[in-house]
PDB file of N, CA and C in Angstrom:
ATOM      1  N   MET A   1      17.539  29.296 -10.361  1.00  0.00           N
ATOM      2  CA  MET A   1      16.948  28.118  -9.723  1.00  0.00           C
ATOM      3  C   MET A   1      15.536  28.091 -10.264  1.00  0.00           C
ATOM      4  N   SER A   2      15.147  26.912 -10.616  1.00  0.00           N
ATOM      5  CA  SER A   2      13.841  26.617 -11.221  1.00  0.00           C
ATOM      6  C   SER A   2      12.796  26.439 -10.105  1.00  0.00           C
ATOM      7  N   SER A   3      11.582  26.874 -10.294  1.00  0.00           N
ATOM      8  CA  SER A   3      10.611  26.641  -9.298  1.00  0.00           C
ATOM      9  C   SER A   3       9.590  25.615  -9.762  1.00  0.00           C
ATOM     10  N   ARG A   4      10.066  24.397  -9.914  1.00  0.00           N
ATOM     11  CA  ARG A   4       9.185  23.289 -10.361  1.00  0.00           C
ATOM     12  C   ARG A   4       8.636  22.449  -9.212  1.00  0.00           C
ATOM     13  N   ARG A   5       8.815  22.933  -7.999  1.00  0.00           N
ATOM     14  CA  ARG A   5       8.343  22.179  -6.878  1.00  0.00           C
ATOM     15  C   ARG A   5       6.837  22.044  -6.896  1.00  0.00           C
ATOM     16  N   GLY A   6       6.360  20.869  -6.628  1.00  0.00           N
ATOM     17  CA  GLY A   6       4.877  20.625  -6.634  1.00  0.00           C
ATOM     18  C   GLY A   6       4.278  20.311  -8.006  1.00  0.00           C
ATOM     19  N   ILE A   7       5.226  20.210  -9.019  1.00  0.00           N
ATOM     20  CA  ILE A   7       4.774  19.814 -10.296  1.00  0.00           C
ATOM     21  C   ILE A   7       5.113  18.347 -10.560  1.00  0.00           C
ATOM     22  N   VAL A   8       4.170  17.574 -11.071  1.00  0.00           N
ATOM     23  CA  VAL A   8       4.349  16.154 -11.325  1.00  0.00           C
ATOM     24  C   VAL A   8       4.320  15.911 -12.783  1.00  0.00           C
ATOM     25  N   ARG A   9       5.196  15.046 -13.278  1.00  0.00           N
ATOM     26  CA  ARG A   9       5.133  14.670 -14.695  1.00  0.00           C
ATOM     27  C   ARG A   9       4.409  13.336 -14.829  1.00  0.00           C
ATOM     28  N   ASP A  10       3.223  13.329 -15.490  1.00  0.00           N
ATOM     29  CA  ASP A  10       2.410  12.189 -15.531  1.00  0.00           C
ATOM     30  C   ASP A  10       2.081  11.940 -17.014  1.00  0.00           C
ATOM     31  N   SER A  11       2.679  10.927 -17.584  1.00  0.00           N
ATOM     32  CA  SER A  11       2.485  10.520 -18.947  1.00  0.00           C
ATOM     33  C   SER A  11       2.879  11.654 -19.950  1.00  0.00           C
ATOM     34  N   GLY A  12       3.955  12.325 -19.649  1.00  0.00           N
ATOM     35  CA  GLY A  12       4.347  13.427 -20.538  1.00  0.00           C
ATOM     36  C   GLY A  12       3.709  14.717 -20.221  1.00  0.00           C
ATOM     37  N   ASN A  13       2.720  14.761 -19.399  1.00  0.00           N
ATOM     38  CA  ASN A  13       2.021  16.041 -19.065  1.00  0.00           C
ATOM     39  C   ASN A  13       2.446  16.522 -17.681  1.00  0.00           C
ATOM     40  N   CYS A  14       2.671  17.782 -17.502  1.00  0.00           N
ATOM     41  CA  CYS A  14       2.998  18.373 -16.203  1.00  0.00           C
ATOM     42  C   CYS A  14       1.753  18.809 -15.535  1.00  0.00           C
ATOM     43  N   THR A  15       1.501  18.321 -14.382  1.00  0.00           N
ATOM     44  CA  THR A  15       0.329  18.685 -13.591  1.00  0.00           C
ATOM     45  C   THR A  15       0.723  19.010 -12.188  1.00  0.00           C
ATOM     46  N   THR A  16      -0.144  19.676 -11.497  1.00  0.00           N
ATOM     47  CA  THR A  16       0.028  19.947 -10.074  1.00  0.00           C
ATOM     48  C   THR A  16      -0.790  18.930  -9.323  1.00  0.00           C
ATOM     49  N   PRO A  17      -0.170  18.196  -8.370  1.00  0.00           N
ATOM     50  CA  PRO A  17      -0.879  17.165  -7.688  1.00  0.00           C
ATOM     51  C   PRO A  17      -2.041  17.705  -6.873  1.00  0.00           C
ATOM     52  N   THR A  18      -3.156  17.116  -6.850  1.00  0.00           N
ATOM     53  CA  THR A  18      -4.329  17.533  -6.001  1.00  0.00           C
ATOM     54  C   THR A  18      -4.229  16.670  -4.705  1.00  0.00           C
ATOM     55  N   SER A  19      -5.041  17.057  -3.750  1.00  0.00           N
ATOM     56  CA  SER A  19      -4.999  16.383  -2.473  1.00  0.00           C
ATOM     57  C   SER A  19      -5.615  14.962  -2.720  1.00  0.00           C
ATOM     58  N   SER A  20      -6.605  14.894  -3.551  1.00  0.00           N
ATOM     59  CA  SER A  20      -7.204  13.572  -3.875  1.00  0.00           C
ATOM     60  C   SER A  20      -6.237  12.648  -4.535  1.00  0.00           C
ATOM     61  N   SER A  21      -5.443  13.103  -5.486  1.00  0.00           N
ATOM     62  CA  SER A  21      -4.464  12.312  -6.139  1.00  0.00           C
ATOM     63  C   SER A  21      -3.359  11.794  -5.128  1.00  0.00           C
ATOM     64  N   MET A  22      -3.014  12.752  -4.277  1.00  0.00           N
ATOM     65  CA  MET A  22      -1.965  12.362  -3.283  1.00  0.00           C
ATOM     66  C   MET A  22      -2.553  11.346  -2.279  1.00  0.00           C
ATOM     67  N   TYR A  23      -3.827  11.478  -1.909  1.00  0.00           N
ATOM     68  CA  TYR A  23      -4.460  10.533  -0.984  1.00  0.00           C
ATOM     69  C   TYR A  23      -4.541   9.176  -1.698  1.00  0.00           C
ATOM     70  N   SER A  24      -4.945   9.211  -3.003  1.00  0.00           N
ATOM     71  CA  SER A  24      -4.983   7.966  -3.747  1.00  0.00           C
ATOM     72  C   SER A  24      -3.683   7.246  -3.803  1.00  0.00           C
ATOM     73  N   ALA A  25      -2.611   8.039  -4.084  1.00  0.00           N
ATOM     74  CA  ALA A  25      -1.243   7.463  -4.120  1.00  0.00           C
ATOM     75  C   ALA A  25      -0.876   6.879  -2.769  1.00  0.00           C
ATOM     76  N   ALA A  26      -1.226   7.610  -1.697  1.00  0.00           N
ATOM     77  CA  ALA A  26      -0.893   7.145  -0.366  1.00  0.00           C
ATOM     78  C   ALA A  26      -1.654   5.877   0.042  1.00  0.00           C
ATOM     79  N   GLU A  27      -2.907   5.845  -0.399  1.00  0.00           N
ATOM     80  CA  GLU A  27      -3.804   4.633  -0.180  1.00  0.00           C
ATOM     81  C   GLU A  27      -3.239   3.500  -0.897  1.00  0.00           C
ATOM     82  N   GLU A  28      -2.804   3.697  -2.156  1.00  0.00           N
ATOM     83  CA  GLU A  28      -2.210   2.628  -3.054  1.00  0.00           C
ATOM     84  C   GLU A  28      -0.934   2.091  -2.337  1.00  0.00           C
ATOM     85  N   CYS A  29      -0.104   2.982  -1.885  1.00  0.00           N
ATOM     86  CA  CYS A  29       1.116   2.581  -1.240  1.00  0.00           C
ATOM     87  C   CYS A  29       0.805   1.792   0.042  1.00  0.00           C
ATOM     88  N   ARG A  30      -0.164   2.215   0.818  1.00  0.00           N
ATOM     89  CA  ARG A  30      -0.615   1.443   2.028  1.00  0.00           C
ATOM     90  C   ARG A  30      -1.112   0.064   1.676  1.00  0.00           C
ATOM     91  N   ASN A  31      -1.857   0.013   0.659  1.00  0.00           N
ATOM     92  CA  ASN A  31      -2.395  -1.250   0.153  1.00  0.00           C
ATOM     93  C   ASN A  31      -1.228  -2.198  -0.339  1.00  0.00           C
ATOM     94  N   ASP A  32      -0.260  -1.620  -1.008  1.00  0.00           N
ATOM     95  CA  ASP A  32       0.889  -2.386  -1.459  1.00  0.00           C
ATOM     96  C   ASP A  32       1.652  -2.915  -0.223  1.00  0.00           C
ATOM     97  N   LEU A  33       1.782  -2.119   0.814  1.00  0.00           N
ATOM     98  CA  LEU A  33       2.465  -2.621   2.049  1.00  0.00           C
ATOM     99  C   LEU A  33       1.728  -3.651   2.724  1.00  0.00           C
ATOM    100  N   LEU A  34       0.381  -3.528   2.762  1.00  0.00           N
ATOM    101  CA  LEU A  34      -0.381  -4.590   3.398  1.00  0.00           C
ATOM    102  C   LEU A  34      -0.221  -5.904   2.589  1.00  0.00           C
ATOM    103  N   THR A  35      -0.309  -5.801   1.266  1.00  0.00           N
ATOM    104  CA  THR A  35      -0.072  -6.977   0.432  1.00  0.00           C
ATOM    105  C   THR A  35       1.306  -7.615   0.707  1.00  0.00           C
ATOM    106  N   LEU A  36       2.315  -6.742   0.828  1.00  0.00           N
ATOM    107  CA  LEU A  36       3.686  -7.255   1.081  1.00  0.00           C
ATOM    108  C   LEU A  36       3.700  -7.964   2.421  1.00  0.00           C
ATOM    109  N   GLU A  37       3.013  -7.344   3.394  1.00  0.00           N
ATOM    110  CA  GLU A  37       2.974  -7.975   4.685  1.00  0.00           C
ATOM    111  C   GLU A  37       2.278  -9.308   4.726  1.00  0.00           C
ATOM    112  N   GLU A  38       1.183  -9.377   3.961  1.00  0.00           N
ATOM    113  CA  GLU A  38       0.448 -10.659   3.853  1.00  0.00           C
ATOM    114  C   GLU A  38       1.250 -11.676   3.157  1.00  0.00           C
ATOM    115  N   ARG A  39       1.991 -11.274   2.116  1.00  0.00           N
ATOM    116  CA  ARG A  39       2.893 -12.240   1.383  1.00  0.00           C
ATOM    117  C   ARG A  39       3.981 -12.695   2.357  1.00  0.00           C
ATOM    118  N   THR A  40       4.555 -11.798   3.072  1.00  0.00           N
ATOM    119  CA  THR A  40       5.638 -12.155   3.990  1.00  0.00           C
ATOM    120  C   THR A  40       5.167 -13.162   4.999  1.00  0.00           C
ATOM    121  N   GLN A  41       3.948 -12.824   5.623  1.00  0.00           N
ATOM    122  CA  GLN A  41       3.397 -13.748   6.607  1.00  0.00           C
ATOM    123  C   GLN A  41       3.108 -15.173   6.002  1.00  0.00           C
ATOM    124  N   ALA A  42       2.686 -15.206   4.753  1.00  0.00           N
ATOM    125  CA  ALA A  42       2.380 -16.468   4.086  1.00  0.00           C
ATOM    126  C   ALA A  42       3.675 -17.243   3.876  1.00  0.00           C
ATOM    127  N   GLU A  43       4.739 -16.495   3.502  1.00  0.00           N
ATOM    128  CA  GLU A  43       6.056 -17.159   3.278  1.00  0.00           C
ATOM    129  C   GLU A  43       6.604 -17.723   4.536  1.00  0.00           C
ATOM    130  N   LEU A  44       6.490 -16.937   5.633  1.00  0.00           N
ATOM    131  CA  LEU A  44       6.906 -17.417   6.913  1.00  0.00           C
ATOM    132  C   LEU A  44       6.172 -18.657   7.323  1.00  0.00           C
ATOM    133  N   LYS A  45       4.922 -18.700   7.157  1.00  0.00           N
ATOM    134  CA  LYS A  45       4.101 -19.882   7.544  1.00  0.00           C
ATOM    135  C   LYS A  45       4.516 -21.064   6.645  1.00  0.00           C
ATOM    136  N   GLU A  46       4.842 -20.856   5.378  1.00  0.00           N
ATOM    137  CA  GLU A  46       5.282 -21.983   4.514  1.00  0.00           C
ATOM    138  C   GLU A  46       6.605 -22.492   5.008  1.00  0.00           C
ATOM    139  N   ILE A  47       7.505 -21.537   5.390  1.00  0.00           N
ATOM    140  CA  ILE A  47       8.813 -22.007   5.849  1.00  0.00           C
ATOM    141  C   ILE A  47       8.691 -22.809   7.156  1.00  0.00           C
ATOM    142  N   GLU A  48       7.829 -22.305   8.094  1.00  0.00           N
ATOM    143  CA  GLU A  48       7.603 -23.030   9.356  1.00  0.00           C
ATOM    144  C   GLU A  48       6.985 -24.406   9.014  1.00  0.00           C
ATOM    145  N   ARG A  49       6.094 -24.536   8.101  1.00  0.00           N
ATOM    146  CA  ARG A  49       5.491 -25.795   7.728  1.00  0.00           C
ATOM    147  C   ARG A  49       6.525 -26.779   7.183  1.00  0.00           C
ATOM    148  N   LYS A  50       7.355 -26.210   6.312  1.00  0.00           N
ATOM    149  CA  LYS A  50       8.451 -27.076   5.713  1.00  0.00           C
ATOM    150  C   LYS A  50       9.433 -27.560   6.890  1.00  0.00           C
ATOM    151  N   LYS A  51       9.741 -26.700   7.792  1.00  0.00           N
ATOM    152  CA  LYS A  51      10.575 -27.099   8.938  1.00  0.00           C
ATOM    153  C   LYS A  51       9.930 -28.176   9.734  1.00  0.00           C
ATOM    154  N   LEU A  52       8.696 -28.047  10.026  1.00  0.00           N
ATOM    155  CA  LEU A  52       7.928 -28.974  10.772  1.00  0.00           C
ATOM    156  C   LEU A  52       7.912 -30.381  10.059  1.00  0.00           C
ATOM    157  N   LEU A  53       7.678 -30.385   8.794  1.00  0.00           N
ATOM    158  CA  LEU A  53       7.615 -31.580   7.931  1.00  0.00           C
ATOM    159  C   LEU A  53       8.988 -32.235   7.968  1.00  0.00           C
ATOM    160  N   ARG A  54      10.080 -31.431   7.852  1.00  0.00           N
ATOM    161  CA  ARG A  54      11.433 -31.998   7.897  1.00  0.00           C
ATOM    162  C   ARG A  54      11.737 -32.564   9.220  1.00  0.00           C
ATOM    163  N   ARG A  55      11.319 -31.987  10.318  1.00  0.00           N
ATOM    164  CA  ARG A  55      11.496 -32.499  11.707  1.00  0.00           C
ATOM    165  C   ARG A  55      10.753 -33.808  11.843  1.00  0.00           C
ATOM    166  N   ILE A  56       9.506 -33.825  11.334  1.00  0.00           N
ATOM    167  CA  ILE A  56       8.693 -35.133  11.430  1.00  0.00           C
ATOM    168  C   ILE A  56       9.423 -36.238  10.715  1.00  0.00           C
ATOM    169  N   SER A  57       9.917 -35.903   9.516  1.00  0.00           N
ATOM    170  CA  SER A  57      10.650 -36.909   8.707  1.00  0.00           C
ATOM    171  C   SER A  57      11.815 -37.428   9.454  1.00  0.00           C
ATOM    172  N   LEU A  58      12.616 -36.441  10.035  1.00  0.00           N
ATOM    173  CA  LEU A  58      13.819 -36.980  10.808  1.00  0.00           C
ATOM    174  C   LEU A  58      13.453 -37.827  11.970  1.00  0.00           C
ATOM    175  N   LEU A  59      12.380 -37.486  12.673  1.00  0.00           N
ATOM    176  CA  LEU A  59      11.928 -38.306  13.833  1.00  0.00           C
ATOM    177  C   LEU A  59      11.498 -39.663  13.378  1.00  0.00           C
ATOM    178  N   ARG A  60      10.833 -39.747  12.238  1.00  0.00           N
ATOM    179  CA  ARG A  60      10.428 -41.073  11.710  1.00  0.00           C
ATOM    180  C   ARG A  60      11.618 -41.919  11.297  1.00  0.00           C
ATOM    181  N   ILE A  61      12.640 -41.265  10.698  1.00  0.00           N
ATOM    182  CA  ILE A  61      13.798 -41.992  10.364  1.00  0.00           C
ATOM    183  C   ILE A  61      14.549 -42.485  11.593  1.00  0.00           C
ATOM    184  N   ARG A  62      14.686 -41.646  12.619  1.00  0.00           N
ATOM    185  CA  ARG A  62      15.310 -42.083  13.851  1.00  0.00           C
ATOM    186  C   ARG A  62      14.554 -43.244  14.525  1.00  0.00           C
ATOM    187  N   ALA A  63      13.221 -43.190  14.499  1.00  0.00           N
ATOM    188  CA  ALA A  63      12.424 -44.264  15.085  1.00  0.00           C
ATOM    189  C   ALA A  63      12.594 -45.507  14.345  1.00  0.00           C
ATOM    190  N   ALA A  64      12.609 -45.429  13.017  1.00  0.00           N
ATOM    191  CA  ALA A  64      12.915 -46.571  12.156  1.00  0.00           C
ATOM    192  C   ALA A  64      14.298 -47.199  12.418  1.00  0.00           C
ATOM    193  N   LYS A  65      15.236 -46.321  12.585  1.00  0.00           N
ATOM    194  CA  LYS A  65      16.617 -46.899  12.884  1.00  0.00           C
ATOM    195  C   LYS A  65      16.718 -47.536  14.228  1.00  0.00           C
ATOM    196  N   ALA A  66      15.967 -46.961  15.188  1.00  0.00           N
ATOM    197  CA  ALA A  66      15.919 -47.501  16.512  1.00  0.00           C
ATOM    198  C   ALA A  66      15.260 -48.872  16.525  1.00  0.00           C
ATOM    199  N   ARG A  67      14.152 -48.996  15.739  1.00  0.00           N
ATOM    200  CA  ARG A  67      13.476 -50.291  15.598  1.00  0.00           C
ATOM    201  C   ARG A  67      14.419 -51.368  14.928  1.00  0.00           C
ATOM    202  N   LEU A  68      15.095 -50.914  13.906  1.00  0.00           N
ATOM    203  CA  LEU A  68      16.011 -51.858  13.269  1.00  0.00           C
ATOM    204  C   LEU A  68      17.169 -52.303  14.210  1.00  0.00           C
ATOM    205  N   ALA A  69      17.687 -51.311  14.973  1.00  0.00           N
ATOM    206  CA  ALA A  69      18.734 -51.636  15.936  1.00  0.00           C
ATOM    207  C   ALA A  69      18.206 -52.641  17.029  1.00  0.00           C
ATOM    208  N   LYS A  70      17.027 -52.415  17.439  1.00  0.00           N
ATOM    209  CA  LYS A  70      16.437 -53.293  18.444  1.00  0.00           C
ATOM    210  C   LYS A  70      16.197 -54.665  17.859  1.00  0.00           C
ATOM    211  N   TYR A  71      15.683 -54.723  16.618  1.00  0.00           N
ATOM    212  CA  TYR A  71      15.466 -55.992  15.895  1.00  0.00           C
ATOM    213  C   TYR A  71      16.801 -56.771  15.715  1.00  0.00           C
ATOM    214  N   ASP A  72      17.862 -56.024  15.395  1.00  0.00           N
ATOM    215  CA  ASP A  72      19.175 -56.689  15.165  1.00  0.00           C
ATOM    216  C   ASP A  72      19.741 -57.269  16.516  1.00  0.00           C
ATOM    217  N   ASP A  73      19.444 -56.496  17.589  1.00  0.00           N
ATOM    218  CA  ASP A  73      19.952 -56.918  18.888  1.00  0.00           C
ATOM    219  C   ASP A  73      19.266 -58.258  19.364  1.00  0.00           C
ATOM    220  N   ASN A  74      17.939 -58.378  19.032  1.00  0.00           N
ATOM    221  CA  ASN A  74      17.194 -59.483  19.443  1.00  0.00           C
ATOM    222  C   ASN A  74      17.440 -60.735  18.591  1.00  0.00           C
ATOM    223  N   SER A  75      18.032 -60.557  17.407  1.00  0.00           N
ATOM    224  CA  SER A  75      18.304 -61.649  16.515  1.00  0.00           C
ATOM    225  C   SER A  75      19.586 -62.421  16.835  1.00  0.00           C
TER     226      SER A  75
END
């Protein structure tokens, strides 16, 4: 059984990770997660905006149809 535990291969070189490099990797991972969360929130807001615009369009169409029906009834 090989005892390679704790050794990291970085660009072809085998090194032992230091606490600062592990902290840096953890910080980068956390930043990536925050960026992902921000993108997800932005996408959700965009979806909600599109839903709202679609609903407004449908309400306008219904109102126009109602006006036409009322106009036809009066004629």
